[in-house]
Amino acid sequence: MKFLNVILTVLADEESRDIFNMIKEKPVSAQEILRYTKIPHTSFYRKINWMLDNKLVIIDSVQETKDGKKYSMFRAIFNDITVKLQRDVIAIEATPTVDLAELTANEFFEV
């Protein structure tokens, strides 16, 4: 039930949808997302951290600039999400963009 609520929350919020749509096909940096979407910084970081906490988004990699600053590349774990309402049942179909083995390994090495 929690996962259903997480998906519906993201889909209901325009800024969250914009973020999710940018990172569903390839890893994207926060700077690219902010530049493209024009979402305020504080809103972006609150939303992306919420999506990370709820396992809809992963940090695909950490890159480093020429001057040594590090930044994360974000990626959604689903490419397409379909929500169906049939009578009193809400069903979600999602196409994963991330291999489940990769997700499990990331969880394991995060500890």
PDB file of N, CA and C in Angstrom:
ATOM      1  N   MET A   1       0.821  -1.195   0.000  1.00  0.00           N
ATOM      2  CA  MET A   1       0.000   0.000   0.000  1.00  0.00           C
ATOM      3  C   MET A   1       0.863   1.255   0.000  1.00  0.00           C
ATOM      4  N   LYS A   2       2.001   1.214   0.719  1.00  0.00           N
ATOM      5  CA  LYS A   2       2.866   2.385   0.774  1.00  0.00           C
ATOM      6  C   LYS A   2       3.378   2.750  -0.623  1.00  0.00           C
ATOM      7  N   PHE A   3       3.797   1.732  -1.383  1.00  0.00           N
ATOM      8  CA  PHE A   3       4.328   1.984  -2.713  1.00  0.00           C
ATOM      9  C   PHE A   3       3.285   2.658  -3.603  1.00  0.00           C
ATOM     10  N   LEU A   4       2.060   2.221  -3.514  1.00  0.00           N
ATOM     11  CA  LEU A   4       0.964   2.828  -4.269  1.00  0.00           C
ATOM     12  C   LEU A   4       0.844   4.306  -3.924  1.00  0.00           C
ATOM     13  N   ASN A   5       0.870   4.624  -2.648  1.00  0.00           N
ATOM     14  CA  ASN A   5       0.767   6.026  -2.221  1.00  0.00           C
ATOM     15  C   ASN A   5       1.953   6.857  -2.695  1.00  0.00           C
ATOM     16  N   VAL A   6       3.135   6.261  -2.703  1.00  0.00           N
ATOM     17  CA  VAL A   6       4.332   6.965  -3.175  1.00  0.00           C
ATOM     18  C   VAL A   6       4.188   7.308  -4.660  1.00  0.00           C
ATOM     19  N   ILE A   7       3.787   6.341  -5.456  1.00  0.00           N
ATOM     20  CA  ILE A   7       3.606   6.567  -6.900  1.00  0.00           C
ATOM     21  C   ILE A   7       2.549   7.638  -7.140  1.00  0.00           C
ATOM     22  N   LEU A   8       1.421   7.518  -6.460  1.00  0.00           N
ATOM     23  CA  LEU A   8       0.338   8.486  -6.658  1.00  0.00           C
ATOM     24  C   LEU A   8       0.751   9.895  -6.216  1.00  0.00           C
ATOM     25  N   THR A   9       1.551   9.992  -5.178  1.00  0.00           N
ATOM     26  CA  THR A   9       2.045  11.292  -4.708  1.00  0.00           C
ATOM     27  C   THR A   9       2.927  11.949  -5.772  1.00  0.00           C
ATOM     28  N   VAL A  10       3.822  11.171  -6.356  1.00  0.00           N
ATOM     29  CA  VAL A  10       4.704  11.714  -7.406  1.00  0.00           C
ATOM     30  C   VAL A  10       3.889  12.148  -8.625  1.00  0.00           C
ATOM     31  N   LEU A  11       2.947  11.309  -9.018  1.00  0.00           N
ATOM     32  CA  LEU A  11       2.145  11.626 -10.204  1.00  0.00           C
ATOM     33  C   LEU A  11       1.214  12.823  -9.979  1.00  0.00           C
ATOM     34  N   ALA A  12       0.820  13.048  -8.743  1.00  0.00           N
ATOM     35  CA  ALA A  12      -0.104  14.145  -8.442  1.00  0.00           C
ATOM     36  C   ALA A  12       0.582  15.505  -8.373  1.00  0.00           C
ATOM     37  N   ASP A  13       1.898  15.511  -8.209  1.00  0.00           N
ATOM     38  CA  ASP A  13       2.632  16.767  -8.044  1.00  0.00           C
ATOM     39  C   ASP A  13       3.377  17.113  -9.341  1.00  0.00           C
ATOM     40  N   GLU A  14       3.085  18.267  -9.901  1.00  0.00           N
ATOM     41  CA  GLU A  14       3.665  18.651 -11.198  1.00  0.00           C
ATOM     42  C   GLU A  14       5.184  18.710 -11.165  1.00  0.00           C
ATOM     43  N   GLU A  15       5.762  19.292 -10.130  1.00  0.00           N
ATOM     44  CA  GLU A  15       7.221  19.396 -10.057  1.00  0.00           C
ATOM     45  C   GLU A  15       7.868  18.013  -9.911  1.00  0.00           C
ATOM     46  N   SER A  16       7.251  17.148  -9.108  1.00  0.00           N
ATOM     47  CA  SER A  16       7.779  15.784  -8.956  1.00  0.00           C
ATOM     48  C   SER A  16       7.703  15.029 -10.276  1.00  0.00           C
ATOM     49  N   ARG A  17       6.597  15.217 -11.007  1.00  0.00           N
ATOM     50  CA  ARG A  17       6.470  14.583 -12.332  1.00  0.00           C
ATOM     51  C   ARG A  17       7.548  15.090 -13.275  1.00  0.00           C
ATOM     52  N   ASP A  18       7.807  16.407 -13.251  1.00  0.00           N
ATOM     53  CA  ASP A  18       8.847  16.974 -14.116  1.00  0.00           C
ATOM     54  C   ASP A  18      10.214  16.363 -13.811  1.00  0.00           C
ATOM     55  N   ILE A  19      10.524  16.239 -12.531  1.00  0.00           N
ATOM     56  CA  ILE A  19      11.798  15.635 -12.128  1.00  0.00           C
ATOM     57  C   ILE A  19      11.843  14.189 -12.600  1.00  0.00           C
ATOM     58  N   PHE A  20      10.793  13.434 -12.292  1.00  0.00           N
ATOM     59  CA  PHE A  20      10.744  12.013 -12.633  1.00  0.00           C
ATOM     60  C   PHE A  20      10.866  11.802 -14.138  1.00  0.00           C
ATOM     61  N   ASN A  21      10.185  12.625 -14.928  1.00  0.00           N
ATOM     62  CA  ASN A  21      10.242  12.491 -16.386  1.00  0.00           C
ATOM     63  C   ASN A  21      11.636  12.758 -16.933  1.00  0.00           C
ATOM     64  N   MET A  22      12.380  13.645 -16.305  1.00  0.00           N
ATOM     65  CA  MET A  22      13.744  13.930 -16.775  1.00  0.00           C
ATOM     66  C   MET A  22      14.703  12.781 -16.511  1.00  0.00           C
ATOM     67  N   ILE A  23      14.485  12.051 -15.425  1.00  0.00           N
ATOM     68  CA  ILE A  23      15.470  11.040 -15.020  1.00  0.00           C
ATOM     69  C   ILE A  23      15.021   9.617 -15.300  1.00  0.00           C
ATOM     70  N   LYS A  24      13.916   9.447 -16.005  1.00  0.00           N
ATOM     71  CA  LYS A  24      13.431   8.081 -16.222  1.00  0.00           C
ATOM     72  C   LYS A  24      14.157   7.353 -17.348  1.00  0.00           C
ATOM     73  N   GLU A  25      14.811   8.066 -18.239  1.00  0.00           N
ATOM     74  CA  GLU A  25      15.476   7.393 -19.356  1.00  0.00           C
ATOM     75  C   GLU A  25      16.989   7.379 -19.252  1.00  0.00           C
ATOM     76  N   LYS A  26      17.542   8.334 -18.514  1.00  0.00           N
ATOM     77  CA  LYS A  26      18.996   8.378 -18.358  1.00  0.00           C
ATOM     78  C   LYS A  26      19.344   9.150 -17.089  1.00  0.00           C
ATOM     79  N   PRO A  27      20.523   8.921 -16.539  1.00  0.00           N
ATOM     80  CA  PRO A  27      20.950   9.657 -15.351  1.00  0.00           C
ATOM     81  C   PRO A  27      21.137  11.147 -15.663  1.00  0.00           C
ATOM     82  N   VAL A  28      20.686  11.992 -14.738  1.00  0.00           N
ATOM     83  CA  VAL A  28      20.755  13.442 -14.935  1.00  0.00           C
ATOM     84  C   VAL A  28      21.200  14.092 -13.622  1.00  0.00           C
ATOM     85  N   SER A  29      21.999  15.131 -13.716  1.00  0.00           N
ATOM     86  CA  SER A  29      22.473  15.849 -12.523  1.00  0.00           C
ATOM     87  C   SER A  29      21.414  16.819 -12.017  1.00  0.00           C
ATOM     88  N   ALA A  30      21.553  17.193 -10.762  1.00  0.00           N
ATOM     89  CA  ALA A  30      20.643  18.176 -10.162  1.00  0.00           C
ATOM     90  C   ALA A  30      20.689  19.490 -10.938  1.00  0.00           C
ATOM     91  N   GLN A  31      21.883  19.912 -11.328  1.00  0.00           N
ATOM     92  CA  GLN A  31      22.012  21.184 -12.066  1.00  0.00           C
ATOM     93  C   GLN A  31      21.234  21.155 -13.380  1.00  0.00           C
ATOM     94  N   GLU A  32      21.307  20.040 -14.098  1.00  0.00           N
ATOM     95  CA  GLU A  32      20.559  19.921 -15.354  1.00  0.00           C
ATOM     96  C   GLU A  32      19.056  19.969 -15.101  1.00  0.00           C
ATOM     97  N   ILE A  33      18.613  19.258 -14.078  1.00  0.00           N
ATOM     98  CA  ILE A  33      17.188  19.245 -13.755  1.00  0.00           C
ATOM     99  C   ILE A  33      16.722  20.641 -13.365  1.00  0.00           C
ATOM    100  N   LEU A  34      17.485  21.307 -12.510  1.00  0.00           N
ATOM    101  CA  LEU A  34      17.114  22.652 -12.073  1.00  0.00           C
ATOM    102  C   LEU A  34      17.089  23.638 -13.240  1.00  0.00           C
ATOM    103  N   ARG A  35      18.055  23.532 -14.128  1.00  0.00           N
ATOM    104  CA  ARG A  35      18.128  24.428 -15.281  1.00  0.00           C
ATOM    105  C   ARG A  35      16.929  24.220 -16.207  1.00  0.00           C
ATOM    106  N   TYR A  36      16.573  22.984 -16.445  1.00  0.00           N
ATOM    107  CA  TYR A  36      15.504  22.663 -17.385  1.00  0.00           C
ATOM    108  C   TYR A  36      14.113  22.923 -16.806  1.00  0.00           C
ATOM    109  N   THR A  37      13.909  22.545 -15.543  1.00  0.00           N
ATOM    110  CA  THR A  37      12.562  22.618 -14.963  1.00  0.00           C
ATOM    111  C   THR A  37      12.245  23.953 -14.308  1.00  0.00           C
ATOM    112  N   LYS A  38      13.273  24.697 -13.905  1.00  0.00           N
ATOM    113  CA  LYS A  38      13.082  25.976 -13.196  1.00  0.00           C
ATOM    114  C   LYS A  38      12.426  25.790 -11.823  1.00  0.00           C
ATOM    115  N   ILE A  39      12.520  24.597 -11.264  1.00  0.00           N
ATOM    116  CA  ILE A  39      12.008  24.332  -9.916  1.00  0.00           C
ATOM    117  C   ILE A  39      12.950  25.010  -8.918  1.00  0.00           C
ATOM    118  N   PRO A  40      12.419  25.675  -7.889  1.00  0.00           N
ATOM    119  CA  PRO A  40      13.302  26.267  -6.869  1.00  0.00           C
ATOM    120  C   PRO A  40      14.197  25.201  -6.229  1.00  0.00           C
ATOM    121  N   HIS A  41      15.428  25.594  -5.900  1.00  0.00           N
ATOM    122  CA  HIS A  41      16.407  24.656  -5.343  1.00  0.00           C
ATOM    123  C   HIS A  41      15.870  23.899  -4.130  1.00  0.00           C
ATOM    124  N   THR A  42      15.294  24.618  -3.184  1.00  0.00           N
ATOM    125  CA  THR A  42      14.824  23.956  -1.964  1.00  0.00           C
ATOM    126  C   THR A  42      13.730  22.942  -2.275  1.00  0.00           C
ATOM    127  N   SER A  43      12.818  23.280  -3.164  1.00  0.00           N
ATOM    128  CA  SER A  43      11.754  22.345  -3.549  1.00  0.00           C
ATOM    129  C   SER A  43      12.344  21.125  -4.237  1.00  0.00           C
ATOM    130  N   PHE A  44      13.293  21.364  -5.142  1.00  0.00           N
ATOM    131  CA  PHE A  44      13.914  20.247  -5.857  1.00  0.00           C
ATOM    132  C   PHE A  44      14.562  19.270  -4.881  1.00  0.00           C
ATOM    133  N   TYR A  45      15.408  19.777  -3.982  1.00  0.00           N
ATOM    134  CA  TYR A  45      16.128  18.884  -3.080  1.00  0.00           C
ATOM    135  C   TYR A  45      15.189  18.175  -2.108  1.00  0.00           C
ATOM    136  N   ARG A  46      14.132  18.835  -1.674  1.00  0.00           N
ATOM    137  CA  ARG A  46      13.145  18.183  -0.815  1.00  0.00           C
ATOM    138  C   ARG A  46      12.471  17.037  -1.563  1.00  0.00           C
ATOM    139  N   LYS A  47      12.101  17.276  -2.822  1.00  0.00           N
ATOM    140  CA  LYS A  47      11.397  16.273  -3.613  1.00  0.00           C
ATOM    141  C   LYS A  47      12.321  15.115  -4.022  1.00  0.00           C
ATOM    142  N   ILE A  48      13.530  15.427  -4.460  1.00  0.00           N
ATOM    143  CA  ILE A  48      14.437  14.357  -4.893  1.00  0.00           C
ATOM    144  C   ILE A  48      14.851  13.493  -3.692  1.00  0.00           C
ATOM    145  N   ASN A  49      15.058  14.118  -2.540  1.00  0.00           N
ATOM    146  CA  ASN A  49      15.398  13.342  -1.346  1.00  0.00           C
ATOM    147  C   ASN A  49      14.233  12.466  -0.906  1.00  0.00           C
ATOM    148  N   TRP A  50      13.016  12.977  -1.042  1.00  0.00           N
ATOM    149  CA  TRP A  50      11.833  12.176  -0.722  1.00  0.00           C
ATOM    150  C   TRP A  50      11.749  10.974  -1.666  1.00  0.00           C
ATOM    151  N   MET A  51      12.010  11.203  -2.962  1.00  0.00           N
ATOM    152  CA  MET A  51      11.981  10.104  -3.931  1.00  0.00           C
ATOM    153  C   MET A  51      13.103   9.095  -3.663  1.00  0.00           C
ATOM    154  N   LEU A  52      14.274   9.578  -3.252  1.00  0.00           N
ATOM    155  CA  LEU A  52      15.372   8.674  -2.875  1.00  0.00           C
ATOM    156  C   LEU A  52      14.987   7.848  -1.654  1.00  0.00           C
ATOM    157  N   ASP A  53      14.435   8.499  -0.644  1.00  0.00           N
ATOM    158  CA  ASP A  53      14.025   7.799   0.579  1.00  0.00           C
ATOM    159  C   ASP A  53      12.970   6.742   0.303  1.00  0.00           C
ATOM    160  N   ASN A  54      12.110   7.002  -0.687  1.00  0.00           N
ATOM    161  CA  ASN A  54      11.022   6.083  -1.008  1.00  0.00           C
ATOM    162  C   ASN A  54      11.361   5.138  -2.154  1.00  0.00           C
ATOM    163  N   LYS A  55      12.641   5.088  -2.521  1.00  0.00           N
ATOM    164  CA  LYS A  55      13.173   4.108  -3.483  1.00  0.00           C
ATOM    165  C   LYS A  55      12.617   4.225  -4.901  1.00  0.00           C
ATOM    166  N   LEU A  56      12.163   5.414  -5.292  1.00  0.00           N
ATOM    167  CA  LEU A  56      11.742   5.640  -6.678  1.00  0.00           C
ATOM    168  C   LEU A  56      12.906   6.110  -7.537  1.00  0.00           C
ATOM    169  N   VAL A  57      13.929   6.612  -6.881  1.00  0.00           N
ATOM    170  CA  VAL A  57      15.089   7.187  -7.555  1.00  0.00           C
ATOM    171  C   VAL A  57      16.338   6.638  -6.884  1.00  0.00           C
ATOM    172  N   ILE A  58      17.379   6.446  -7.680  1.00  0.00           N
ATOM    173  CA  ILE A  58      18.673   6.057  -7.128  1.00  0.00           C
ATOM    174  C   ILE A  58      19.729   7.068  -7.589  1.00  0.00           C
ATOM    175  N   ILE A  59      20.829   7.086  -6.873  1.00  0.00           N
ATOM    176  CA  ILE A  59      21.996   7.833  -7.351  1.00  0.00           C
ATOM    177  C   ILE A  59      22.752   6.861  -8.225  1.00  0.00           C
ATOM    178  N   ASP A  60      22.742   7.139  -9.522  1.00  0.00           N
ATOM    179  CA  ASP A  60      23.349   6.244 -10.507  1.00  0.00           C
ATOM    180  C   ASP A  60      24.865   6.280 -10.422  1.00  0.00           C
ATOM    181  N   SER A  61      25.401   7.471 -10.217  1.00  0.00           N
ATOM    182  CA  SER A  61      26.854   7.624 -10.107  1.00  0.00           C
ATOM    183  C   SER A  61      27.155   8.971  -9.473  1.00  0.00           C
ATOM    184  N   VAL A  62      28.408   9.118  -9.059  1.00  0.00           N
ATOM    185  CA  VAL A  62      28.888  10.404  -8.545  1.00  0.00           C
ATOM    186  C   VAL A  62      29.999  10.853  -9.473  1.00  0.00           C
ATOM    187  N   GLN A  63      29.825  12.029 -10.030  1.00  0.00           N
ATOM    188  CA  GLN A  63      30.797  12.580 -10.974  1.00  0.00           C
ATOM    189  C   GLN A  63      31.640  13.648 -10.278  1.00  0.00           C
ATOM    190  N   GLU A  64      32.744  14.000 -10.907  1.00  0.00           N
ATOM    191  CA  GLU A  64      33.611  15.030 -10.352  1.00  0.00           C
ATOM    192  C   GLU A  64      33.937  16.052 -11.439  1.00  0.00           C
ATOM    193  N   THR A  65      33.827  17.334 -11.081  1.00  0.00           N
ATOM    194  CA  THR A  65      34.155  18.392 -12.025  1.00  0.00           C
ATOM    195  C   THR A  65      35.672  18.566 -12.102  1.00  0.00           C
ATOM    196  N   LYS A  66      36.137  19.372 -13.044  1.00  0.00           N
ATOM    197  CA  LYS A  66      37.578  19.603 -13.196  1.00  0.00           C
ATOM    198  C   LYS A  66      38.190  20.236 -11.951  1.00  0.00           C
ATOM    199  N   ASP A  67      37.375  21.020 -11.219  1.00  0.00           N
ATOM    200  CA  ASP A  67      37.906  21.657 -10.008  1.00  0.00           C
ATOM    201  C   ASP A  67      37.682  20.818  -8.745  1.00  0.00           C
ATOM    202  N   GLY A  68      37.301  19.543  -8.909  1.00  0.00           N
ATOM    203  CA  GLY A  68      37.219  18.613  -7.797  1.00  0.00           C
ATOM    204  C   GLY A  68      35.888  18.552  -7.065  1.00  0.00           C
ATOM    205  N   LYS A  69      34.890  19.294  -7.506  1.00  0.00           N
ATOM    206  CA  LYS A  69      33.572  19.237  -6.858  1.00  0.00           C
ATOM    207  C   LYS A  69      32.834  17.989  -7.339  1.00  0.00           C
ATOM    208  N   LYS A  70      32.156  17.335  -6.402  1.00  0.00           N
ATOM    209  CA  LYS A  70      31.423  16.112  -6.730  1.00  0.00           C
ATOM    210  C   LYS A  70      29.933  16.409  -6.821  1.00  0.00           C
ATOM    211  N   TYR A  71      29.264  15.683  -7.715  1.00  0.00           N
ATOM    212  CA  TYR A  71      27.817  15.817  -7.853  1.00  0.00           C
ATOM    213  C   TYR A  71      27.222  14.475  -8.253  1.00  0.00           C
ATOM    214  N   SER A  72      25.955  14.285  -7.870  1.00  0.00           N
ATOM    215  CA  SER A  72      25.260  13.022  -8.119  1.00  0.00           C
ATOM    216  C   SER A  72      24.503  13.055  -9.433  1.00  0.00           C
ATOM    217  N   MET A  73      24.423  11.889 -10.042  1.00  0.00           N
ATOM    218  CA  MET A  73      23.591  11.685 -11.228  1.00  0.00           C
ATOM    219  C   MET A  73      22.404  10.838 -10.778  1.00  0.00           C
ATOM    220  N   PHE A  74      21.194  11.373 -10.926  1.00  0.00           N
ATOM    221  CA  PHE A  74      19.982  10.704 -10.470  1.00  0.00           C
ATOM    222  C   PHE A  74      19.336   9.927 -11.607  1.00  0.00           C
ATOM    223  N   ARG A  75      18.714   8.795 -11.243  1.00  0.00           N
ATOM    224  CA  ARG A  75      18.019   7.984 -12.227  1.00  0.00           C
ATOM    225  C   ARG A  75      16.779   7.372 -11.580  1.00  0.00           C
ATOM    226  N   ALA A  76      15.671   7.403 -12.300  1.00  0.00           N
ATOM    227  CA  ALA A  76      14.444   6.775 -11.820  1.00  0.00           C
ATOM    228  C   ALA A  76      14.557   5.261 -11.977  1.00  0.00           C
ATOM    229  N   ILE A  77      13.871   4.533 -11.119  1.00  0.00           N
ATOM    230  CA  ILE A  77      13.922   3.070 -11.236  1.00  0.00           C
ATOM    231  C   ILE A  77      12.850   2.533 -12.168  1.00  0.00           C
ATOM    232  N   PHE A  78      11.931   3.392 -12.605  1.00  0.00           N
ATOM    233  CA  PHE A  78      10.897   2.992 -13.553  1.00  0.00           C
ATOM    234  C   PHE A  78      10.930   3.898 -14.765  1.00  0.00           C
ATOM    235  N   ASN A  79      10.666   3.318 -15.913  1.00  0.00           N
ATOM    236  CA  ASN A  79      10.608   4.078 -17.150  1.00  0.00           C
ATOM    237  C   ASN A  79       9.184   4.551 -17.425  1.00  0.00           C
ATOM    238  N   ASP A  80       8.257   3.626 -17.354  1.00  0.00           N
ATOM    239  CA  ASP A  80       6.852   3.937 -17.605  1.00  0.00           C
ATOM    240  C   ASP A  80       6.015   3.466 -16.429  1.00  0.00           C
ATOM    241  N   ILE A  81       5.026   4.270 -16.065  1.00  0.00           N
ATOM    242  CA  ILE A  81       4.114   3.912 -14.992  1.00  0.00           C
ATOM    243  C   ILE A  81       2.693   4.084 -15.510  1.00  0.00           C
ATOM    244  N   THR A  82       1.878   3.043 -15.319  1.00  0.00           N
ATOM    245  CA  THR A  82       0.474   3.093 -15.705  1.00  0.00           C
ATOM    246  C   THR A  82      -0.364   2.821 -14.461  1.00  0.00           C
ATOM    247  N   VAL A  83      -1.348   3.683 -14.237  1.00  0.00           N
ATOM    248  CA  VAL A  83      -2.253   3.517 -13.106  1.00  0.00           C
ATOM    249  C   VAL A  83      -3.626   3.162 -13.655  1.00  0.00           C
ATOM    250  N   LYS A  84      -4.201   2.087 -13.105  1.00  0.00           N
ATOM    251  CA  LYS A  84      -5.533   1.654 -13.536  1.00  0.00           C
ATOM    252  C   LYS A  84      -6.459   1.614 -12.323  1.00  0.00           C
ATOM    253  N   LEU A  85      -7.649   2.130 -12.514  1.00  0.00           N
ATOM    254  CA  LEU A  85      -8.664   2.070 -11.476  1.00  0.00           C
ATOM    255  C   LEU A  85      -9.786   1.177 -11.979  1.00  0.00           C
ATOM    256  N   GLN A  86      -9.961   0.050 -11.319  1.00  0.00           N
ATOM    257  CA  GLN A  86     -11.006  -0.896 -11.697  1.00  0.00           C
ATOM    258  C   GLN A  86     -11.854  -1.165 -10.462  1.00  0.00           C
ATOM    259  N   ARG A  87     -13.075  -0.678 -10.503  1.00  0.00           N
ATOM    260  CA  ARG A  87     -13.980  -0.754  -9.352  1.00  0.00           C
ATOM    261  C   ARG A  87     -13.315  -0.095  -8.167  1.00  0.00           C
ATOM    262  N   ASP A  88     -13.033  -0.840  -7.120  1.00  0.00           N
ATOM    263  CA  ASP A  88     -12.416  -0.260  -5.920  1.00  0.00           C
ATOM    264  C   ASP A  88     -10.928  -0.559  -5.823  1.00  0.00           C
ATOM    265  N   VAL A  89     -10.346  -1.047  -6.902  1.00  0.00           N
ATOM    266  CA  VAL A  89      -8.943  -1.464  -6.869  1.00  0.00           C
ATOM    267  C   VAL A  89      -8.109  -0.551  -7.762  1.00  0.00           C
ATOM    268  N   ILE A  90      -7.007  -0.057  -7.206  1.00  0.00           N
ATOM    269  CA  ILE A  90      -6.045   0.723  -7.988  1.00  0.00           C
ATOM    270  C   ILE A  90      -4.868  -0.193  -8.275  1.00  0.00           C
ATOM    271  N   ALA A  91      -4.552  -0.355  -9.556  1.00  0.00           N
ATOM    272  CA  ALA A  91      -3.433  -1.206  -9.958  1.00  0.00           C
ATOM    273  C   ALA A  91      -2.375  -0.350 -10.652  1.00  0.00           C
ATOM    274  N   ILE A  92      -1.135  -0.644 -10.363  1.00  0.00           N
ATOM    275  CA  ILE A  92      -0.022   0.079 -10.981  1.00  0.00           C
ATOM    276  C   ILE A  92       0.837  -0.909 -11.740  1.00  0.00           C
ATOM    277  N   GLU A  93       1.133  -0.556 -12.987  1.00  0.00           N
ATOM    278  CA  GLU A  93       2.078  -1.328 -13.794  1.00  0.00           C
ATOM    279  C   GLU A  93       3.258  -0.412 -14.067  1.00  0.00           C
ATOM    280  N   ALA A  94       4.446  -0.927 -13.868  1.00  0.00           N
ATOM    281  CA  ALA A  94       5.645  -0.116 -14.062  1.00  0.00           C
ATOM    282  C   ALA A  94       6.718  -0.923 -14.765  1.00  0.00           C
ATOM    283  N   THR A  95       7.415  -0.273 -15.700  1.00  0.00           N
ATOM    284  CA  THR A  95       8.525  -0.894 -16.417  1.00  0.00           C
ATOM    285  C   THR A  95       9.824  -0.450 -15.757  1.00  0.00           C
ATOM    286  N   PRO A  96      10.570  -1.391 -15.183  1.00  0.00           N
ATOM    287  CA  PRO A  96      11.806  -0.997 -14.500  1.00  0.00           C
ATOM    288  C   PRO A  96      12.893  -0.532 -15.473  1.00  0.00           C
ATOM    289  N   THR A  97      13.648   0.469 -15.044  1.00  0.00           N
ATOM    290  CA  THR A  97      14.803   0.923 -15.813  1.00  0.00           C
ATOM    291  C   THR A  97      16.088   0.406 -15.187  1.00  0.00           C
ATOM    292  N   VAL A  98      15.962  -0.097 -13.970  1.00  0.00           N
ATOM    293  CA  VAL A  98      17.129  -0.548 -13.216  1.00  0.00           C
ATOM    294  C   VAL A  98      16.977  -2.035 -12.942  1.00  0.00           C
ATOM    295  N   ASP A  99      18.030  -2.771 -13.148  1.00  0.00           N
ATOM    296  CA  ASP A  99      18.057  -4.191 -12.856  1.00  0.00           C
ATOM    297  C   ASP A  99      17.885  -4.397 -11.349  1.00  0.00           C
ATOM    298  N   LEU A 100      17.024  -5.318 -10.959  1.00  0.00           N
ATOM    299  CA  LEU A 100      16.786  -5.569  -9.541  1.00  0.00           C
ATOM    300  C   LEU A 100      18.051  -6.014  -8.819  1.00  0.00           C
ATOM    301  N   ALA A 101      18.910  -6.736  -9.491  1.00  0.00           N
ATOM    302  CA  ALA A 101      20.175  -7.148  -8.878  1.00  0.00           C
ATOM    303  C   ALA A 101      21.037  -5.923  -8.574  1.00  0.00           C
ATOM    304  N   GLU A 102      21.011  -4.950  -9.477  1.00  0.00           N
ATOM    305  CA  GLU A 102      21.776  -3.717  -9.262  1.00  0.00           C
ATOM    306  C   GLU A 102      21.224  -2.962  -8.059  1.00  0.00           C
ATOM    307  N   LEU A 103      19.915  -2.881  -7.938  1.00  0.00           N
ATOM    308  CA  LEU A 103      19.295  -2.209  -6.791  1.00  0.00           C
ATOM    309  C   LEU A 103      19.678  -2.895  -5.490  1.00  0.00           C
ATOM    310  N   THR A 104      19.634  -4.210  -5.471  1.00  0.00           N
ATOM    311  CA  THR A 104      19.981  -4.966  -4.278  1.00  0.00           C
ATOM    312  C   THR A 104      21.440  -4.737  -3.911  1.00  0.00           C
ATOM    313  N   ALA A 105      22.316  -4.730  -4.897  1.00  0.00           N
ATOM    314  CA  ALA A 105      23.741  -4.478  -4.642  1.00  0.00           C
ATOM    315  C   ALA A 105      23.946  -3.067  -4.099  1.00  0.00           C
ATOM    316  N   ASN A 106      23.258  -2.085  -4.665  1.00  0.00           N
ATOM    317  CA  ASN A 106      23.382  -0.705  -4.191  1.00  0.00           C
ATOM    318  C   ASN A 106      22.931  -0.602  -2.727  1.00  0.00           C
ATOM    319  N   GLU A 107      21.833  -1.256  -2.375  1.00  0.00           N
ATOM    320  CA  GLU A 107      21.334  -1.262  -1.001  1.00  0.00           C
ATOM    321  C   GLU A 107      22.364  -1.898  -0.072  1.00  0.00           C
ATOM    322  N   PHE A 108      22.953  -3.010  -0.508  1.00  0.00           N
ATOM    323  CA  PHE A 108      23.900  -3.727   0.304  1.00  0.00           C
ATOM    324  C   PHE A 108      25.154  -2.883   0.570  1.00  0.00           C
ATOM    325  N   PHE A 109      25.679  -2.253  -0.456  1.00  0.00           N
ATOM    326  CA  PHE A 109      26.929  -1.499  -0.306  1.00  0.00           C
ATOM    327  C   PHE A 109      26.730  -0.128   0.302  1.00  0.00           C
ATOM    328  N   GLU A 110      25.476   0.324   0.434  1.00  0.00           N
ATOM    329  CA  GLU A 110      25.177   1.590   1.076  1.00  0.00           C
ATOM    330  C   GLU A 110      25.413   1.510   2.579  1.00  0.00           C
ATOM    331  N   VAL A 111      25.266   0.321   3.134  1.00  0.00           N
ATOM    332  CA  VAL A 111      25.359   0.122   4.591  1.00  0.00           C
ATOM    333  C   VAL A 111      26.724   0.336   5.103  1.00  0.00           C
TER     334      VAL A 111
END
